[in-house]
Amino acid sequence: MAKGHPKHNILQVNTMSEFQSEQQDKEQRNTPENSISMTNGGNFYFDVHGKQVRVWFSSFSGKEQIYVNDALVSSNRSWRKMSSHEFTIDGAHYTVKVGVRSWGEAFKGIYIAELYREQQLIDQDEMFLLGDRSADKPFSWKRFTWELAPWLIVGGLIGFLVGFFGA
């Protein structure tokens, strides 16, 4: 680090220690588990000073909703890779960013949520729609095809029935 920038080093250390403190606090909290499904969308949960922040999103409709203690504080429909929602809790400004890091991750079903307080990252989570999340297996086209096949078969069957009986 160059001379004359000692404040930057101190800020970095404080930022990391606060982030680690938030991560340790999160492990001790009693918040619901993050969840995601093709039919119900996804839910990320964060705890902010005893208040539950829930981030709900649908990868199909693009709808996103942010709740603080079950009260809707932000709602948006977005097809961007990453969208932001801003709200306040006890006078402090918070931002939630929800989405994907890249379109490749979107195709693989990897979603992330980041929680910022006053423009400082305090928590983040990611979820996997497809695949075995517990084993941390890498993406596999074979597994992707087998997980997508039932949806394609049902869609084809419905299309056939509508075309056959509707015409």
Protein backbone atom coordinates (compact mmCIF):
# COMPACT_ATOMS: atom_id res chain seq x y z
CA MET A 1 0.00 0.00 0.00
CA ALA A 2 1.33 3.44 -0.83
CA LYS A 3 2.28 5.97 1.82
CA GLY A 4 -0.35 8.51 2.70
CA HIS A 5 -3.27 6.05 2.55
CA PRO A 6 -3.40 4.58 6.07
CA LYS A 7 -7.09 5.41 6.46
CA HIS A 8 -7.91 3.08 3.58
CA ASN A 9 -6.21 0.16 5.37
CA ILE A 10 -8.08 0.89 8.59
CA LEU A 11 -11.39 1.12 6.72
CA GLN A 12 -10.73 -2.23 5.06
CA VAL A 13 -10.00 -3.92 8.38
CA ASN A 14 -13.13 -2.46 9.97
CA THR A 15 -15.23 -3.48 6.98
CA MET A 16 -14.02 -7.07 7.14
CA SER A 17 -14.44 -7.34 10.90
CA GLU A 18 -17.98 -5.94 10.69
CA PHE A 19 -18.80 -8.33 7.84
CA GLN A 20 -17.41 -11.29 9.82
CA SER A 21 -19.34 -10.15 12.90
CA GLU A 22 -22.57 -10.02 10.86
CA GLN A 23 -21.83 -13.52 9.49
CA GLN A 24 -21.28 -14.91 13.02
CA ASP A 25 -24.46 -13.22 14.26
CA LYS A 26 -26.38 -14.71 11.33
CA GLU A 27 -25.31 -18.23 12.28
CA GLN A 28 -26.79 -17.70 15.77
CA ARG A 29 -30.13 -16.24 14.59
CA ASN A 30 -33.35 -18.14 14.22
CA THR A 31 -34.32 -17.16 10.67
CA PRO A 32 -35.97 -19.47 8.13
CA GLU A 33 -33.80 -21.26 5.61
CA ASN A 34 -33.47 -19.76 2.16
CA SER A 35 -35.61 -21.64 -0.34
CA ILE A 36 -36.20 -21.77 -4.07
CA SER A 37 -38.48 -23.73 -6.39
CA MET A 38 -39.69 -23.43 -9.96
CA THR A 39 -43.31 -22.95 -8.89
CA ASN A 40 -43.01 -20.72 -5.80
CA GLY A 41 -39.98 -18.59 -6.62
CA GLY A 42 -37.17 -17.96 -4.20
CA ASN A 43 -36.83 -16.53 -0.69
CA PHE A 44 -33.69 -15.08 0.85
CA TYR A 45 -33.84 -14.24 4.56
CA PHE A 46 -31.71 -11.72 6.42
CA ASP A 47 -31.85 -10.51 10.02
CA VAL A 48 -31.27 -6.81 10.67
CA HIS A 49 -31.18 -5.90 14.37
CA GLY A 50 -33.94 -8.39 15.20
CA LYS A 51 -36.06 -7.52 12.16
CA GLN A 52 -36.54 -10.14 9.46
CA VAL A 53 -35.86 -9.02 5.88
CA ARG A 54 -37.32 -11.39 3.29
CA VAL A 55 -36.40 -11.10 -0.37
CA TRP A 56 -38.88 -12.94 -2.61
CA PHE A 57 -38.31 -13.26 -6.37
CA SER A 58 -39.67 -15.17 -9.33
CA SER A 59 -37.22 -16.10 -12.05
CA PHE A 60 -40.08 -16.53 -14.53
CA SER A 61 -42.13 -13.35 -14.06
CA GLY A 62 -39.25 -11.11 -12.92
CA LYS A 63 -41.32 -10.01 -9.90
CA GLU A 64 -39.33 -9.10 -6.79
CA GLN A 65 -40.69 -8.12 -3.37
CA ILE A 66 -38.89 -7.06 -0.20
CA TYR A 67 -40.57 -7.51 3.18
CA VAL A 68 -39.50 -6.27 6.62
CA ASN A 69 -41.30 -8.23 9.34
CA ASP A 70 -43.90 -9.33 6.73
CA ALA A 71 -44.65 -5.71 5.67
CA LEU A 72 -44.02 -5.04 1.97
CA VAL A 73 -41.43 -2.24 1.64
CA SER A 74 -40.41 -2.57 -2.02
CA SER A 75 -41.78 -4.24 -5.13
CA ASN A 76 -40.46 -4.32 -8.67
CA ARG A 77 -40.54 -6.36 -11.86
CA SER A 78 -37.13 -6.67 -13.47
CA TRP A 79 -35.46 -8.81 -16.11
CA ARG A 80 -32.03 -7.29 -15.48
CA LYS A 81 -29.14 -9.39 -14.23
CA MET A 82 -29.15 -7.47 -10.95
CA SER A 83 -31.76 -5.10 -9.54
CA SER A 84 -31.76 -2.93 -6.43
CA HIS A 85 -34.37 -2.19 -3.78
CA GLU A 86 -33.94 0.60 -1.23
CA PHE A 87 -35.66 0.95 2.15
CA THR A 88 -35.00 2.17 5.68
CA ILE A 89 -35.01 0.37 9.02
CA ASP A 90 -34.81 2.43 12.20
CA GLY A 91 -33.54 5.44 10.23
CA ALA A 92 -30.71 3.54 8.51
CA HIS A 93 -30.67 3.26 4.71
CA TYR A 94 -30.55 -0.31 3.33
CA THR A 95 -30.22 -1.64 -0.20
CA VAL A 96 -30.90 -5.19 -1.37
CA LYS A 97 -29.45 -6.31 -4.69
CA VAL A 98 -31.00 -9.49 -6.08
CA GLY A 99 -30.30 -11.35 -9.30
CA VAL A 100 -27.48 -13.21 -11.01
CA ARG A 101 -23.83 -12.37 -11.61
CA SER A 102 -24.02 -13.42 -15.28
CA TRP A 103 -26.52 -14.76 -17.79
CA GLY A 104 -24.63 -18.07 -17.67
CA GLU A 105 -25.39 -18.33 -13.94
CA ALA A 106 -29.03 -17.46 -14.64
CA PHE A 107 -29.22 -20.36 -17.07
CA LYS A 108 -27.67 -22.64 -14.44
CA GLY A 109 -30.15 -21.42 -11.80
CA ILE A 110 -27.68 -19.64 -9.49
CA TYR A 111 -29.22 -16.61 -7.75
CA ILE A 112 -27.68 -14.16 -5.28
CA ALA A 113 -28.88 -11.52 -2.85
CA GLU A 114 -26.70 -8.88 -1.24
CA LEU A 115 -27.71 -6.67 1.69
CA TYR A 116 -26.05 -3.26 2.12
CA ARG A 117 -26.31 -0.79 4.99
CA GLU A 118 -25.29 2.74 3.98
CA GLN A 119 -23.56 1.36 0.83
CA GLN A 120 -21.52 -1.21 2.80
CA LEU A 121 -22.06 -4.93 2.17
CA ILE A 122 -23.20 -6.56 5.42
CA ASP A 123 -24.59 -9.91 4.21
CA GLN A 124 -24.96 -12.01 1.08
CA ASP A 125 -26.38 -15.39 0.10
CA GLU A 126 -26.70 -17.49 -3.02
CA MET A 127 -29.03 -20.32 -4.03
CA PHE A 128 -29.05 -23.01 -6.70
CA LEU A 129 -32.32 -23.82 -8.48
CA LEU A 130 -30.99 -26.85 -10.33
CA GLY A 131 -28.78 -29.63 -9.06
CA ASP A 132 -27.65 -31.04 -5.76
CA ARG A 133 -26.97 -28.01 -3.59
CA SER A 134 -25.76 -29.96 -0.55
CA ALA A 135 -22.96 -31.78 -2.37
CA ASP A 136 -21.68 -28.62 -4.15
CA LYS A 137 -21.43 -30.53 -7.40
CA PRO A 138 -20.43 -28.54 -10.48
CA PHE A 139 -22.99 -27.83 -13.16
CA SER A 140 -23.70 -30.81 -15.41
CA TRP A 141 -25.58 -30.65 -18.71
CA LYS A 142 -26.70 -34.25 -18.22
CA ARG A 143 -28.24 -33.49 -14.81
CA PHE A 144 -29.73 -30.25 -16.18
CA THR A 145 -31.38 -32.17 -19.05
CA TRP A 146 -32.86 -34.79 -16.70
CA GLU A 147 -34.22 -32.12 -14.37
CA LEU A 148 -35.71 -30.13 -17.25
CA ALA A 149 -37.14 -33.14 -19.13
CA PRO A 150 -40.32 -33.55 -17.01
CA TRP A 151 -41.22 -29.89 -17.57
CA LEU A 152 -40.71 -30.23 -21.32
CA ILE A 153 -42.82 -33.41 -21.44
CA VAL A 154 -45.68 -31.81 -19.49
CA GLY A 155 -45.53 -28.71 -21.70
CA GLY A 156 -45.54 -30.80 -24.87
CA LEU A 157 -48.45 -32.88 -23.62
CA ILE A 158 -50.51 -29.81 -22.73
CA GLY A 159 -49.69 -28.25 -26.11
CA PHE A 160 -50.75 -31.43 -27.91
CA LEU A 161 -54.02 -31.70 -25.96
CA VAL A 162 -54.90 -28.03 -26.53
CA GLY A 163 -54.07 -28.33 -30.24
CA PHE A 164 -55.92 -31.61 -30.68
CA PHE A 165 -59.08 -30.85 -28.71
CA GLY A 166 -59.14 -27.08 -29.19
CA ALA A 167 -59.06 -27.12 -32.99
